[in-house]
N, C-alpha and C. Protein backbone atom coordinates (compact mmCIF):
# COMPACT_ATOMS: atom_id res chain seq x y z
N MET A 1 -147.27 48.32 43.09
CA MET A 1 -146.28 47.49 43.75
C MET A 1 -145.44 48.36 44.66
N SER A 2 -145.15 47.85 45.83
CA SER A 2 -144.28 48.52 46.77
C SER A 2 -142.86 47.97 46.57
N TYR A 3 -141.89 48.84 46.40
CA TYR A 3 -140.53 48.41 46.12
C TYR A 3 -139.70 48.44 47.39
N LYS A 4 -138.91 47.38 47.61
CA LYS A 4 -138.01 47.35 48.75
C LYS A 4 -136.76 46.57 48.40
N VAL A 5 -135.69 46.89 49.07
CA VAL A 5 -134.42 46.19 48.86
C VAL A 5 -134.64 44.70 49.14
N GLY A 6 -134.11 43.88 48.26
CA GLY A 6 -134.23 42.43 48.41
C GLY A 6 -135.33 41.81 47.57
N THR A 7 -136.22 42.65 47.01
CA THR A 7 -137.27 42.12 46.15
C THR A 7 -136.64 41.56 44.88
N LYS A 8 -137.08 40.34 44.48
CA LYS A 8 -136.51 39.65 43.32
C LYS A 8 -137.61 39.20 42.37
N ALA A 9 -137.21 39.00 41.13
CA ALA A 9 -138.09 38.39 40.13
C ALA A 9 -137.19 37.71 39.10
N SER A 10 -137.77 36.74 38.36
CA SER A 10 -136.97 36.02 37.38
C SER A 10 -137.81 35.58 36.19
N PHE A 11 -137.12 35.15 35.15
CA PHE A 11 -137.73 34.63 33.93
C PHE A 11 -136.81 33.55 33.38
N SER A 12 -137.38 32.41 32.99
CA SER A 12 -136.58 31.31 32.44
C SER A 12 -136.99 31.00 31.01
N LYS A 13 -136.03 30.55 30.21
CA LYS A 13 -136.29 30.20 28.82
C LYS A 13 -135.24 29.21 28.34
N THR A 14 -135.67 28.21 27.58
CA THR A 14 -134.75 27.32 26.89
C THR A 14 -134.47 27.94 25.53
N ILE A 15 -133.20 28.11 25.22
CA ILE A 15 -132.80 28.79 23.99
C ILE A 15 -132.79 27.80 22.83
N ALA A 16 -133.61 28.06 21.83
CA ALA A 16 -133.71 27.22 20.64
C ALA A 16 -132.93 27.84 19.49
N GLU A 17 -132.66 27.02 18.49
CA GLU A 17 -131.95 27.49 17.31
C GLU A 17 -132.67 28.66 16.65
N CYS A 18 -134.01 28.60 16.61
CA CYS A 18 -134.77 29.69 15.98
C CYS A 18 -134.61 31.01 16.74
N ASP A 19 -134.40 30.95 18.05
CA ASP A 19 -134.17 32.18 18.82
C ASP A 19 -132.88 32.85 18.37
N VAL A 20 -131.83 32.06 18.21
CA VAL A 20 -130.53 32.59 17.82
C VAL A 20 -130.57 33.15 16.40
N TYR A 21 -131.18 32.40 15.48
CA TYR A 21 -131.26 32.88 14.10
C TYR A 21 -132.14 34.12 13.98
N GLY A 22 -133.24 34.17 14.74
CA GLY A 22 -134.09 35.36 14.72
C GLY A 22 -133.34 36.57 15.24
N PHE A 23 -132.61 36.40 16.34
CA PHE A 23 -131.84 37.49 16.92
C PHE A 23 -130.76 37.95 15.93
N ALA A 24 -130.06 36.99 15.32
CA ALA A 24 -129.03 37.33 14.34
C ALA A 24 -129.62 38.14 13.20
N GLY A 25 -130.80 37.76 12.73
CA GLY A 25 -131.44 38.49 11.65
C GLY A 25 -131.84 39.90 12.04
N ILE A 26 -132.29 40.07 13.25
CA ILE A 26 -132.71 41.39 13.71
C ILE A 26 -131.51 42.33 13.85
N ILE A 27 -130.42 41.84 14.44
CA ILE A 27 -129.29 42.74 14.70
C ILE A 27 -128.19 42.67 13.64
N GLY A 28 -128.25 41.66 12.77
CA GLY A 28 -127.26 41.56 11.71
C GLY A 28 -125.94 40.92 12.12
N ASP A 29 -125.90 40.24 13.27
CA ASP A 29 -124.67 39.58 13.73
C ASP A 29 -124.73 38.11 13.32
N PHE A 30 -124.09 37.80 12.18
CA PHE A 30 -124.06 36.44 11.66
C PHE A 30 -122.69 35.80 11.87
N ASN A 31 -122.05 36.12 12.98
CA ASN A 31 -120.77 35.50 13.33
C ASN A 31 -120.94 33.99 13.25
N PRO A 32 -120.05 33.29 12.53
CA PRO A 32 -120.16 31.84 12.43
C PRO A 32 -120.21 31.13 13.79
N LEU A 33 -119.65 31.75 14.80
CA LEU A 33 -119.69 31.19 16.15
C LEU A 33 -121.13 30.96 16.61
N HIS A 34 -122.06 31.73 16.05
CA HIS A 34 -123.47 31.62 16.42
C HIS A 34 -124.30 30.85 15.39
N VAL A 35 -123.97 30.96 14.12
CA VAL A 35 -124.89 30.46 13.09
C VAL A 35 -124.32 29.41 12.14
N ASN A 36 -123.08 29.02 12.29
CA ASN A 36 -122.50 28.04 11.38
C ASN A 36 -121.88 26.91 12.18
N ALA A 37 -122.59 25.79 12.26
CA ALA A 37 -122.16 24.67 13.10
C ALA A 37 -120.79 24.13 12.69
N ALA A 38 -120.54 24.00 11.38
CA ALA A 38 -119.26 23.45 10.92
C ALA A 38 -118.09 24.35 11.30
N GLU A 39 -118.23 25.65 11.06
CA GLU A 39 -117.15 26.58 11.43
C GLU A 39 -116.99 26.69 12.94
N ALA A 40 -118.10 26.68 13.67
CA ALA A 40 -118.05 26.83 15.12
C ALA A 40 -117.30 25.66 15.77
N GLU A 41 -117.37 24.49 15.15
CA GLU A 41 -116.64 23.33 15.68
C GLU A 41 -115.14 23.59 15.75
N GLU A 42 -114.63 24.45 14.86
CA GLU A 42 -113.20 24.76 14.80
C GLU A 42 -112.82 25.94 15.70
N MET A 43 -113.81 26.54 16.34
CA MET A 43 -113.56 27.73 17.17
C MET A 43 -113.44 27.37 18.65
N LEU A 44 -113.28 28.37 19.47
CA LEU A 44 -112.96 28.25 20.89
C LEU A 44 -113.81 27.24 21.66
N PHE A 45 -115.13 27.23 21.48
CA PHE A 45 -116.00 26.40 22.30
C PHE A 45 -116.36 25.06 21.66
N GLY A 46 -115.94 24.85 20.40
CA GLY A 46 -116.17 23.58 19.73
C GLY A 46 -117.58 23.36 19.24
N ARG A 47 -118.43 24.35 19.42
CA ARG A 47 -119.82 24.30 18.93
C ARG A 47 -120.39 25.71 18.98
N ARG A 48 -121.58 25.87 18.40
CA ARG A 48 -122.20 27.20 18.37
C ARG A 48 -122.60 27.65 19.78
N ILE A 49 -122.50 28.96 19.97
CA ILE A 49 -122.95 29.55 21.23
C ILE A 49 -124.00 30.62 20.93
N VAL A 50 -124.78 30.93 21.94
CA VAL A 50 -125.81 31.97 21.87
C VAL A 50 -125.12 33.33 21.98
N HIS A 51 -125.62 34.31 21.24
CA HIS A 51 -125.10 35.68 21.37
C HIS A 51 -125.17 36.10 22.85
N GLY A 52 -124.10 36.70 23.34
CA GLY A 52 -124.12 37.19 24.72
C GLY A 52 -125.22 38.22 24.95
N MET A 53 -125.43 39.08 23.97
CA MET A 53 -126.45 40.11 24.13
C MET A 53 -127.86 39.52 24.11
N LEU A 54 -128.07 38.41 23.41
CA LEU A 54 -129.37 37.74 23.48
C LEU A 54 -129.60 37.22 24.89
N THR A 55 -128.58 36.58 25.44
CA THR A 55 -128.67 36.07 26.81
C THR A 55 -128.99 37.20 27.78
N ALA A 56 -128.25 38.31 27.69
CA ALA A 56 -128.45 39.43 28.60
C ALA A 56 -129.80 40.12 28.39
N SER A 57 -130.34 40.03 27.18
CA SER A 57 -131.60 40.73 26.90
C SER A 57 -132.77 40.21 27.73
N PHE A 58 -132.66 39.00 28.26
CA PHE A 58 -133.74 38.48 29.10
C PHE A 58 -133.82 39.20 30.44
N LEU A 59 -132.78 39.94 30.79
CA LEU A 59 -132.87 40.81 31.97
C LEU A 59 -133.91 41.90 31.73
N SER A 60 -133.99 42.40 30.50
CA SER A 60 -135.00 43.39 30.15
C SER A 60 -136.40 42.80 30.27
N THR A 61 -136.54 41.52 29.93
CA THR A 61 -137.83 40.85 30.08
C THR A 61 -138.29 40.91 31.53
N VAL A 62 -137.38 40.62 32.45
CA VAL A 62 -137.74 40.65 33.88
C VAL A 62 -138.07 42.07 34.31
N ILE A 63 -137.21 43.01 33.96
CA ILE A 63 -137.39 44.40 34.40
C ILE A 63 -138.69 44.99 33.87
N ALA A 64 -139.03 44.71 32.62
CA ALA A 64 -140.21 45.31 32.00
C ALA A 64 -141.52 44.61 32.36
N SER A 65 -141.45 43.30 32.59
CA SER A 65 -142.71 42.58 32.77
C SER A 65 -142.93 41.96 34.13
N ARG A 66 -141.89 41.82 34.93
CA ARG A 66 -142.04 41.16 36.22
C ARG A 66 -141.78 42.11 37.40
N MET A 67 -140.60 42.72 37.40
CA MET A 67 -140.23 43.58 38.52
C MET A 67 -139.04 44.44 38.10
N PRO A 68 -139.08 45.72 38.22
CA PRO A 68 -140.16 46.53 38.76
C PRO A 68 -141.45 46.49 37.95
N GLY A 69 -141.37 46.22 36.63
CA GLY A 69 -142.58 46.02 35.84
C GLY A 69 -142.87 47.12 34.84
N SER A 70 -144.07 47.05 34.31
CA SER A 70 -144.52 47.97 33.26
C SER A 70 -144.32 49.43 33.68
N GLY A 71 -143.75 50.20 32.77
CA GLY A 71 -143.49 51.61 33.05
C GLY A 71 -142.08 51.89 33.54
N THR A 72 -141.31 50.84 33.83
CA THR A 72 -139.93 51.03 34.26
C THR A 72 -139.10 51.57 33.10
N ILE A 73 -138.22 52.53 33.40
CA ILE A 73 -137.31 53.08 32.40
C ILE A 73 -135.91 52.53 32.68
N TYR A 74 -135.38 51.80 31.73
CA TYR A 74 -134.03 51.23 31.81
C TYR A 74 -133.04 52.35 31.53
N MET A 75 -132.18 52.68 32.48
CA MET A 75 -131.25 53.80 32.32
C MET A 75 -129.81 53.36 32.08
N GLU A 76 -129.45 52.21 32.62
CA GLU A 76 -128.04 51.79 32.55
C GLU A 76 -127.96 50.28 32.78
N GLN A 77 -127.04 49.62 32.07
CA GLN A 77 -126.78 48.20 32.31
C GLN A 77 -125.29 47.95 32.20
N ASN A 78 -124.74 47.32 33.21
CA ASN A 78 -123.35 46.88 33.18
C ASN A 78 -123.38 45.36 33.25
N SER A 79 -122.71 44.70 32.32
CA SER A 79 -122.75 43.23 32.29
C SER A 79 -121.36 42.66 32.05
N ARG A 80 -121.11 41.53 32.71
CA ARG A 80 -119.91 40.73 32.46
C ARG A 80 -120.38 39.38 31.94
N PHE A 81 -119.84 38.96 30.81
CA PHE A 81 -120.19 37.69 30.20
C PHE A 81 -119.16 36.67 30.66
N LEU A 82 -119.58 35.77 31.55
CA LEU A 82 -118.64 34.90 32.25
C LEU A 82 -118.48 33.52 31.62
N LYS A 83 -119.55 32.97 31.07
CA LYS A 83 -119.53 31.63 30.49
C LYS A 83 -120.41 31.63 29.25
N PRO A 84 -120.13 30.73 28.30
CA PRO A 84 -120.99 30.66 27.11
C PRO A 84 -122.33 30.00 27.42
N VAL A 85 -123.32 30.35 26.62
CA VAL A 85 -124.62 29.69 26.64
C VAL A 85 -124.72 28.95 25.32
N PHE A 86 -125.12 27.69 25.39
CA PHE A 86 -125.20 26.85 24.21
C PHE A 86 -126.66 26.64 23.79
N PHE A 87 -126.85 26.33 22.53
CA PHE A 87 -128.19 26.01 22.03
C PHE A 87 -128.77 24.90 22.93
N GLY A 88 -130.01 25.05 23.33
CA GLY A 88 -130.66 24.05 24.17
C GLY A 88 -130.52 24.31 25.66
N ASP A 89 -129.64 25.23 26.07
CA ASP A 89 -129.53 25.56 27.49
C ASP A 89 -130.79 26.28 27.96
N THR A 90 -131.14 26.04 29.21
CA THR A 90 -132.23 26.78 29.84
C THR A 90 -131.59 27.81 30.76
N ILE A 91 -131.88 29.06 30.49
CA ILE A 91 -131.31 30.13 31.29
C ILE A 91 -132.39 30.78 32.15
N THR A 92 -131.96 31.32 33.27
CA THR A 92 -132.86 32.06 34.14
C THR A 92 -132.23 33.42 34.40
N ALA A 93 -132.96 34.47 34.01
CA ALA A 93 -132.53 35.85 34.28
C ALA A 93 -133.19 36.28 35.58
N GLU A 94 -132.40 36.82 36.51
CA GLU A 94 -132.93 37.26 37.80
C GLU A 94 -132.51 38.69 38.08
N VAL A 95 -133.44 39.45 38.62
CA VAL A 95 -133.22 40.84 38.98
C VAL A 95 -133.56 41.01 40.45
N GLU A 96 -132.71 41.73 41.18
CA GLU A 96 -132.95 42.00 42.59
C GLU A 96 -132.69 43.47 42.89
N ILE A 97 -133.59 44.10 43.61
CA ILE A 97 -133.37 45.48 44.04
C ILE A 97 -132.32 45.47 45.14
N THR A 98 -131.23 46.21 44.91
CA THR A 98 -130.17 46.28 45.92
C THR A 98 -130.11 47.64 46.60
N GLU A 99 -130.70 48.66 45.95
CA GLU A 99 -130.65 50.01 46.53
C GLU A 99 -131.77 50.85 45.95
N LEU A 100 -132.49 51.53 46.81
CA LEU A 100 -133.49 52.50 46.39
C LEU A 100 -132.86 53.88 46.47
N LEU A 101 -132.92 54.62 45.39
CA LEU A 101 -132.24 55.91 45.28
C LEU A 101 -133.25 57.04 45.19
N GLU A 102 -132.75 58.26 45.29
CA GLU A 102 -133.63 59.42 45.15
C GLU A 102 -134.17 59.52 43.73
N LYS A 103 -135.17 60.34 43.56
CA LYS A 103 -135.81 60.59 42.26
C LYS A 103 -136.46 59.35 41.67
N GLY A 104 -136.88 58.41 42.55
CA GLY A 104 -137.60 57.24 42.08
C GLY A 104 -136.77 56.24 41.30
N ARG A 105 -135.48 56.22 41.56
CA ARG A 105 -134.60 55.29 40.86
C ARG A 105 -134.23 54.13 41.77
N ALA A 106 -133.74 53.06 41.15
CA ALA A 106 -133.27 51.91 41.91
C ALA A 106 -132.08 51.27 41.23
N ARG A 107 -131.18 50.74 42.03
CA ARG A 107 -130.04 49.97 41.54
C ARG A 107 -130.45 48.50 41.66
N LEU A 108 -130.17 47.72 40.61
CA LEU A 108 -130.55 46.32 40.58
C LEU A 108 -129.33 45.43 40.38
N LYS A 109 -129.34 44.27 41.01
CA LYS A 109 -128.37 43.22 40.70
C LYS A 109 -129.01 42.43 39.57
N THR A 110 -128.25 42.17 38.51
CA THR A 110 -128.78 41.43 37.36
C THR A 110 -127.89 40.21 37.11
N THR A 111 -128.52 39.05 37.05
CA THR A 111 -127.79 37.80 36.91
C THR A 111 -128.52 36.87 35.96
N VAL A 112 -127.75 36.15 35.15
CA VAL A 112 -128.31 35.08 34.33
C VAL A 112 -127.53 33.81 34.66
N VAL A 113 -128.27 32.74 34.96
CA VAL A 113 -127.65 31.45 35.24
C VAL A 113 -128.17 30.41 34.25
N ASN A 114 -127.38 29.36 34.04
CA ASN A 114 -127.86 28.28 33.17
C ASN A 114 -128.54 27.20 34.02
N GLN A 115 -128.95 26.13 33.37
CA GLN A 115 -129.70 25.07 34.04
C GLN A 115 -128.89 24.36 35.13
N ASP A 116 -127.59 24.53 35.13
CA ASP A 116 -126.74 23.93 36.16
C ASP A 116 -126.44 24.91 37.30
N GLY A 117 -127.04 26.10 37.25
CA GLY A 117 -126.80 27.10 38.28
C GLY A 117 -125.52 27.89 38.08
N VAL A 118 -124.89 27.73 36.93
CA VAL A 118 -123.65 28.46 36.64
C VAL A 118 -124.00 29.87 36.17
N VAL A 119 -123.37 30.86 36.78
CA VAL A 119 -123.60 32.25 36.38
C VAL A 119 -122.94 32.48 35.03
N VAL A 120 -123.75 32.90 34.04
CA VAL A 120 -123.22 33.17 32.70
C VAL A 120 -123.13 34.66 32.42
N VAL A 121 -123.98 35.46 33.05
CA VAL A 121 -123.93 36.92 32.94
C VAL A 121 -124.16 37.48 34.34
N ASP A 122 -123.33 38.45 34.70
CA ASP A 122 -123.44 39.09 36.01
C ASP A 122 -123.32 40.59 35.82
N GLY A 123 -124.12 41.36 36.54
CA GLY A 123 -124.01 42.80 36.39
C GLY A 123 -124.94 43.58 37.29
N THR A 124 -125.11 44.84 36.93
CA THR A 124 -125.99 45.75 37.66
C THR A 124 -126.77 46.60 36.66
N ALA A 125 -127.88 47.11 37.11
CA ALA A 125 -128.67 48.02 36.29
C ALA A 125 -129.14 49.19 37.14
N LEU A 126 -129.42 50.28 36.46
CA LEU A 126 -130.04 51.45 37.08
C LEU A 126 -131.36 51.68 36.34
N VAL A 127 -132.43 51.80 37.10
CA VAL A 127 -133.74 52.01 36.48
C VAL A 127 -134.48 53.15 37.17
N LYS A 128 -135.39 53.73 36.42
CA LYS A 128 -136.36 54.68 36.98
C LYS A 128 -137.62 53.86 37.22
N LEU A 129 -138.04 53.81 38.46
CA LEU A 129 -139.20 52.99 38.83
C LEU A 129 -140.49 53.62 38.30
N PRO A 130 -141.47 52.78 37.97
CA PRO A 130 -142.77 53.34 37.56
C PRO A 130 -143.41 54.05 38.75
N LYS A 131 -144.27 55.00 38.45
CA LYS A 131 -144.97 55.71 39.52
C LYS A 131 -145.85 54.73 40.28
N GLN A 132 -145.83 54.85 41.59
CA GLN A 132 -146.65 53.97 42.42
C GLN A 132 -148.00 54.62 42.68
N GLU A 133 -149.01 53.77 42.75
CA GLU A 133 -150.36 54.25 43.08
C GLU A 133 -150.36 54.78 44.50
N GLU A 134 -151.08 55.84 44.73
CA GLU A 134 -151.17 56.41 46.08
C GLU A 134 -152.05 55.57 46.97
């Protein structure tokens, strides 16, 4: 693949209850805000929300499997969590090359939006690009 500024890729997924519970089990974050419907009703959003880090992790899906793709080394991620993601939301993680740097690195714009086009996660990443075929 030839890399250039402006190249984009994305991945979409509808977040199911099993995704949230699986993620909670893997990382050990059983905050009632994520896994207890009755308690979550009494909290800030009035219902359960998806872990912010689960939402942001789909950026890694794009980087590793779509663009830049297999062999990419994730070096840095800066993220701002702007809005909650709820069970049943369909999110789209998008990555765009914004700068090609020396030593085969690239700066990426990283964004996650929900099904209404609302930005829920916004940030940047630094990656080491995979070696290109000659």
